[in-house]
């Protein structure tokens, strides 16, 4: 298998990926108390746009619900299939999550704007997971809606 095909970079591939996405687990989501932060308002936007959002915060141990949805501490604990994992973690904080991502085996992983880890992307792509790096899911979704 040519794993590089799973590294998604162009608009057509992104459109196809988003059209096949219904359920998004948000790793590193923030709570309503941080509503001005991208790690909250991007998933909030996506929920309003019709996606099912599953919160997986890295912090906020007392949070049990975010955006009205049950909080999970690990991706592997989510009891349903996940189409996409949207990551809001610093680039250097992504590798410790690889095992959990592989245990869940989502169709795709999206590293938000400013987040890039080529080694992680390669590992995930080789496992058959589509990977987008350093792009904003909200910006791309809005752009595709206008087309």
C-alpha atoms as a PDB file:
ATOM      1  CA  UNK A   1       0.000   0.000   0.000  1.00  0.00           C
ATOM      2  CA  UNK A   2       1.179   3.497  -0.804  1.00  0.00           C
ATOM      3  CA  UNK A   3       0.613   5.076   2.617  1.00  0.00           C
ATOM      4  CA  UNK A   4       1.335   8.599   1.276  1.00  0.00           C
ATOM      5  CA  UNK A   5      -2.111   8.483  -0.349  1.00  0.00           C
ATOM      6  CA  UNK A   6      -3.550   8.775   3.153  1.00  0.00           C
ATOM      7  CA  UNK A   7      -1.887  12.183   3.649  1.00  0.00           C
ATOM      8  CA  UNK A   8      -4.673  14.530   2.594  1.00  0.00           C
ATOM      9  CA  UNK A   9      -3.599  17.923   1.262  1.00  0.00           C
ATOM     10  CA  UNK A  10      -5.866  19.084  -1.554  1.00  0.00           C
ATOM     11  CA  UNK A  11      -9.379  20.511  -1.556  1.00  0.00           C
ATOM     12  CA  UNK A  12     -10.975  17.611  -3.439  1.00  0.00           C
ATOM     13  CA  UNK A  13      -9.635  15.067  -0.949  1.00  0.00           C
ATOM     14  CA  UNK A  14     -10.720  17.260   1.971  1.00  0.00           C
ATOM     15  CA  UNK A  15     -14.215  17.614   0.478  1.00  0.00           C
ATOM     16  CA  UNK A  16     -14.461  13.823   0.092  1.00  0.00           C
ATOM     17  CA  UNK A  17     -13.251  13.303   3.652  1.00  0.00           C
ATOM     18  CA  UNK A  18     -15.756  15.776   5.119  1.00  0.00           C
ATOM     19  CA  UNK A  19     -18.622  14.398   3.038  1.00  0.00           C
ATOM     20  CA  UNK A  20     -17.937  10.961   4.561  1.00  0.00           C
ATOM     21  CA  UNK A  21     -17.744  12.352   8.124  1.00  0.00           C
ATOM     22  CA  UNK A  22     -20.638  12.361  10.583  1.00  0.00           C
ATOM     23  CA  UNK A  23     -19.019  11.711  13.986  1.00  0.00           C
ATOM     24  CA  UNK A  24     -16.050  13.748  15.225  1.00  0.00           C
ATOM     25  CA  UNK A  25     -14.157  13.033  18.436  1.00  0.00           C
ATOM     26  CA  UNK A  26     -12.380  16.205  19.577  1.00  0.00           C
ATOM     27  CA  UNK A  27      -9.140  15.407  21.374  1.00  0.00           C
ATOM     28  CA  UNK A  28      -8.078  18.367  23.495  1.00  0.00           C
ATOM     29  CA  UNK A  29     -11.489  20.069  23.471  1.00  0.00           C
ATOM     30  CA  UNK A  30     -11.936  22.904  25.944  1.00  0.00           C
ATOM     31  CA  UNK A  31     -15.027  23.607  28.036  1.00  0.00           C
ATOM     32  CA  UNK A  32     -17.712  26.271  27.747  1.00  0.00           C
ATOM     33  CA  UNK A  33     -15.658  28.345  30.221  1.00  0.00           C
ATOM     34  CA  UNK A  34     -13.055  28.717  27.427  1.00  0.00           C
ATOM     35  CA  UNK A  35     -15.637  29.578  24.739  1.00  0.00           C
ATOM     36  CA  UNK A  36     -13.270  32.090  23.101  1.00  0.00           C
ATOM     37  CA  UNK A  37     -10.631  29.408  22.422  1.00  0.00           C
ATOM     38  CA  UNK A  38     -10.481  27.568  19.061  1.00  0.00           C
ATOM     39  CA  UNK A  39     -10.551  24.226  20.935  1.00  0.00           C
ATOM     40  CA  UNK A  40     -14.100  25.125  21.987  1.00  0.00           C
ATOM     41  CA  UNK A  41     -15.573  27.307  19.254  1.00  0.00           C
ATOM     42  CA  UNK A  42     -14.431  25.098  16.349  1.00  0.00           C
ATOM     43  CA  UNK A  43     -16.200  21.985  17.709  1.00  0.00           C
ATOM     44  CA  UNK A  44     -19.180  24.154  18.667  1.00  0.00           C
ATOM     45  CA  UNK A  45     -19.387  25.375  15.061  1.00  0.00           C
ATOM     46  CA  UNK A  46     -19.082  21.805  13.757  1.00  0.00           C
ATOM     47  CA  UNK A  47     -21.879  20.654  16.066  1.00  0.00           C
ATOM     48  CA  UNK A  48     -24.091  23.475  14.768  1.00  0.00           C
ATOM     49  CA  UNK A  49     -23.188  22.389  11.216  1.00  0.00           C
ATOM     50  CA  UNK A  50     -24.677  18.950  11.943  1.00  0.00           C
ATOM     51  CA  UNK A  51     -21.727  16.816  13.045  1.00  0.00           C
ATOM     52  CA  UNK A  52     -21.939  14.678  16.179  1.00  0.00           C
ATOM     53  CA  UNK A  53     -19.198  15.900  18.512  1.00  0.00           C
ATOM     54  CA  UNK A  54     -17.670  13.593  21.114  1.00  0.00           C
ATOM     55  CA  UNK A  55     -15.530  15.500  23.646  1.00  0.00           C
ATOM     56  CA  UNK A  56     -12.186  14.018  24.728  1.00  0.00           C
ATOM     57  CA  UNK A  57     -10.544  16.750  26.827  1.00  0.00           C
ATOM     58  CA  UNK A  58      -6.878  16.538  27.770  1.00  0.00           C
ATOM     59  CA  UNK A  59      -7.571  18.521  30.945  1.00  0.00           C
ATOM     60  CA  UNK A  60     -10.700  19.473  32.918  1.00  0.00           C
ATOM     61  CA  UNK A  61     -10.969  16.301  35.041  1.00  0.00           C
ATOM     62  CA  UNK A  62     -14.262  17.483  36.569  1.00  0.00           C
ATOM     63  CA  UNK A  63     -15.990  17.978  33.197  1.00  0.00           C
ATOM     64  CA  UNK A  64     -18.551  15.277  32.465  1.00  0.00           C
ATOM     65  CA  UNK A  65     -20.360  17.007  29.592  1.00  0.00           C
ATOM     66  CA  UNK A  66     -19.160  19.494  26.975  1.00  0.00           C
ATOM     67  CA  UNK A  67     -21.486  20.863  24.279  1.00  0.00           C
ATOM     68  CA  UNK A  68     -24.183  18.721  25.891  1.00  0.00           C
ATOM     69  CA  UNK A  69     -22.289  15.515  25.073  1.00  0.00           C
ATOM     70  CA  UNK A  70     -20.779  12.867  27.373  1.00  0.00           C
ATOM     71  CA  UNK A  71     -17.047  13.389  27.958  1.00  0.00           C
ATOM     72  CA  UNK A  72     -14.628  10.498  27.404  1.00  0.00           C
ATOM     73  CA  UNK A  73     -11.074  10.449  28.739  1.00  0.00           C
ATOM     74  CA  UNK A  74      -9.679   8.211  25.980  1.00  0.00           C
ATOM     75  CA  UNK A  75     -10.685   7.703  22.377  1.00  0.00           C
ATOM     76  CA  UNK A  76     -10.700   3.934  22.910  1.00  0.00           C
ATOM     77  CA  UNK A  77     -13.457   4.361  25.541  1.00  0.00           C
ATOM     78  CA  UNK A  78     -15.921   5.847  23.030  1.00  0.00           C
ATOM     79  CA  UNK A  79     -18.559   3.128  22.499  1.00  0.00           C
ATOM     80  CA  UNK A  80     -19.388   4.046  18.885  1.00  0.00           C
ATOM     81  CA  UNK A  81     -17.383   4.329  15.663  1.00  0.00           C
ATOM     82  CA  UNK A  82     -15.653   7.645  15.056  1.00  0.00           C
ATOM     83  CA  UNK A  83     -15.225   9.000  11.543  1.00  0.00           C
ATOM     84  CA  UNK A  84     -12.694  11.700  12.405  1.00  0.00           C
ATOM     85  CA  UNK A  85     -10.507  12.661  15.354  1.00  0.00           C
ATOM     86  CA  UNK A  86      -9.960  16.430  15.448  1.00  0.00           C
ATOM     87  CA  UNK A  87      -6.824  17.197  17.477  1.00  0.00           C
ATOM     88  CA  UNK A  88      -6.257  20.340  19.531  1.00  0.00           C
ATOM     89  CA  UNK A  89      -2.902  19.490  21.160  1.00  0.00           C
ATOM     90  CA  UNK A  90       0.522  20.999  20.632  1.00  0.00           C
ATOM     91  CA  UNK A  91       2.557  19.189  17.969  1.00  0.00           C
ATOM     92  CA  UNK A  92       4.915  17.751  20.579  1.00  0.00           C
ATOM     93  CA  UNK A  93       1.960  16.511  22.686  1.00  0.00           C
ATOM     94  CA  UNK A  94       0.429  14.412  19.899  1.00  0.00           C
ATOM     95  CA  UNK A  95       2.730  11.309  19.972  1.00  0.00           C
ATOM     96  CA  UNK A  96       1.483  10.065  23.385  1.00  0.00           C
ATOM     97  CA  UNK A  97      -2.023   9.804  21.842  1.00  0.00           C
ATOM     98  CA  UNK A  98      -0.998   7.577  18.905  1.00  0.00           C
ATOM     99  CA  UNK A  99      -1.682   4.301  20.727  1.00  0.00           C
ATOM    100  CA  UNK A 100      -5.156   5.509  21.739  1.00  0.00           C
ATOM    101  CA  UNK A 101      -5.887   6.702  18.173  1.00  0.00           C
ATOM    102  CA  UNK A 102      -4.800   3.360  16.731  1.00  0.00           C
ATOM    103  CA  UNK A 103      -6.938   1.520  19.310  1.00  0.00           C
ATOM    104  CA  UNK A 104      -9.993   3.474  18.101  1.00  0.00           C
ATOM    105  CA  UNK A 105      -9.077   3.321  14.375  1.00  0.00           C
ATOM    106  CA  UNK A 106     -11.017   6.343  13.097  1.00  0.00           C
ATOM    107  CA  UNK A 107     -11.265   6.819   9.331  1.00  0.00           C
ATOM    108  CA  UNK A 108      -9.312  10.063   9.602  1.00  0.00           C
ATOM    109  CA  UNK A 109      -7.331  12.320  11.929  1.00  0.00           C
ATOM    110  CA  UNK A 110      -7.242  16.108  11.544  1.00  0.00           C
ATOM    111  CA  UNK A 111      -4.505  18.126  13.234  1.00  0.00           C
ATOM    112  CA  UNK A 112      -5.711  21.712  13.593  1.00  0.00           C
ATOM    113  CA  UNK A 113      -3.925  24.841  12.340  1.00  0.00           C
ATOM    114  CA  UNK A 114      -0.391  25.081  13.702  1.00  0.00           C
ATOM    115  CA  UNK A 115      -0.273  21.385  14.618  1.00  0.00           C
ATOM    116  CA  UNK A 116       2.021  19.176  12.581  1.00  0.00           C
ATOM    117  CA  UNK A 117       3.860  15.978  13.427  1.00  0.00           C
ATOM    118  CA  UNK A 118       5.135  14.141  10.359  1.00  0.00           C
ATOM    119  CA  UNK A 119       6.185  11.029  12.302  1.00  0.00           C
ATOM    120  CA  UNK A 120       2.696  10.659  13.785  1.00  0.00           C
ATOM    121  CA  UNK A 121       1.114  11.346  10.385  1.00  0.00           C
ATOM    122  CA  UNK A 122       3.236   8.611   8.813  1.00  0.00           C
ATOM    123  CA  UNK A 123       2.371   6.093  11.543  1.00  0.00           C
ATOM    124  CA  UNK A 124      -1.355   6.788  11.191  1.00  0.00           C
ATOM    125  CA  UNK A 125      -1.258   6.812   7.371  1.00  0.00           C
ATOM    126  CA  UNK A 126       0.553   3.465   7.348  1.00  0.00           C
ATOM    127  CA  UNK A 127      -2.263   2.097   9.547  1.00  0.00           C
ATOM    128  CA  UNK A 128      -4.770   3.144   6.863  1.00  0.00           C
ATOM    129  CA  UNK A 129      -6.001   6.337   8.541  1.00  0.00           C
ATOM    130  CA  UNK A 130      -6.340   9.474   6.431  1.00  0.00           C
ATOM    131  CA  UNK A 131      -4.430  12.429   7.944  1.00  0.00           C
ATOM    132  CA  UNK A 132      -4.782  16.192   7.524  1.00  0.00           C
ATOM    133  CA  UNK A 133      -2.200  18.425   9.214  1.00  0.00           C
ATOM    134  CA  UNK A 134      -1.982  22.129  10.017  1.00  0.00           C
ATOM    135  CA  UNK A 135      -5.433  23.116   8.729  1.00  0.00           C
ATOM    136  CA  UNK A 136      -8.530  24.434  10.436  1.00  0.00           C
ATOM    137  CA  UNK A 137     -11.499  22.110  10.105  1.00  0.00           C
ATOM    138  CA  UNK A 138     -13.939  24.992  10.571  1.00  0.00           C
ATOM    139  CA  UNK A 139     -12.278  27.119   7.872  1.00  0.00           C
ATOM    140  CA  UNK A 140     -12.216  24.225   5.397  1.00  0.00           C
ATOM    141  CA  UNK A 141     -15.826  23.277   6.158  1.00  0.00           C
ATOM    142  CA  UNK A 142     -16.997  26.874   5.659  1.00  0.00           C
ATOM    143  CA  UNK A 143     -15.037  27.133   2.406  1.00  0.00           C
ATOM    144  CA  UNK A 144     -16.547  23.899   1.070  1.00  0.00           C
ATOM    145  CA  UNK A 145     -20.073  25.047   1.975  1.00  0.00           C
ATOM    146  CA  UNK A 146     -19.577  28.136  -0.202  1.00  0.00           C
ATOM    147  CA  UNK A 147     -18.577  26.129  -3.255  1.00  0.00           C
END
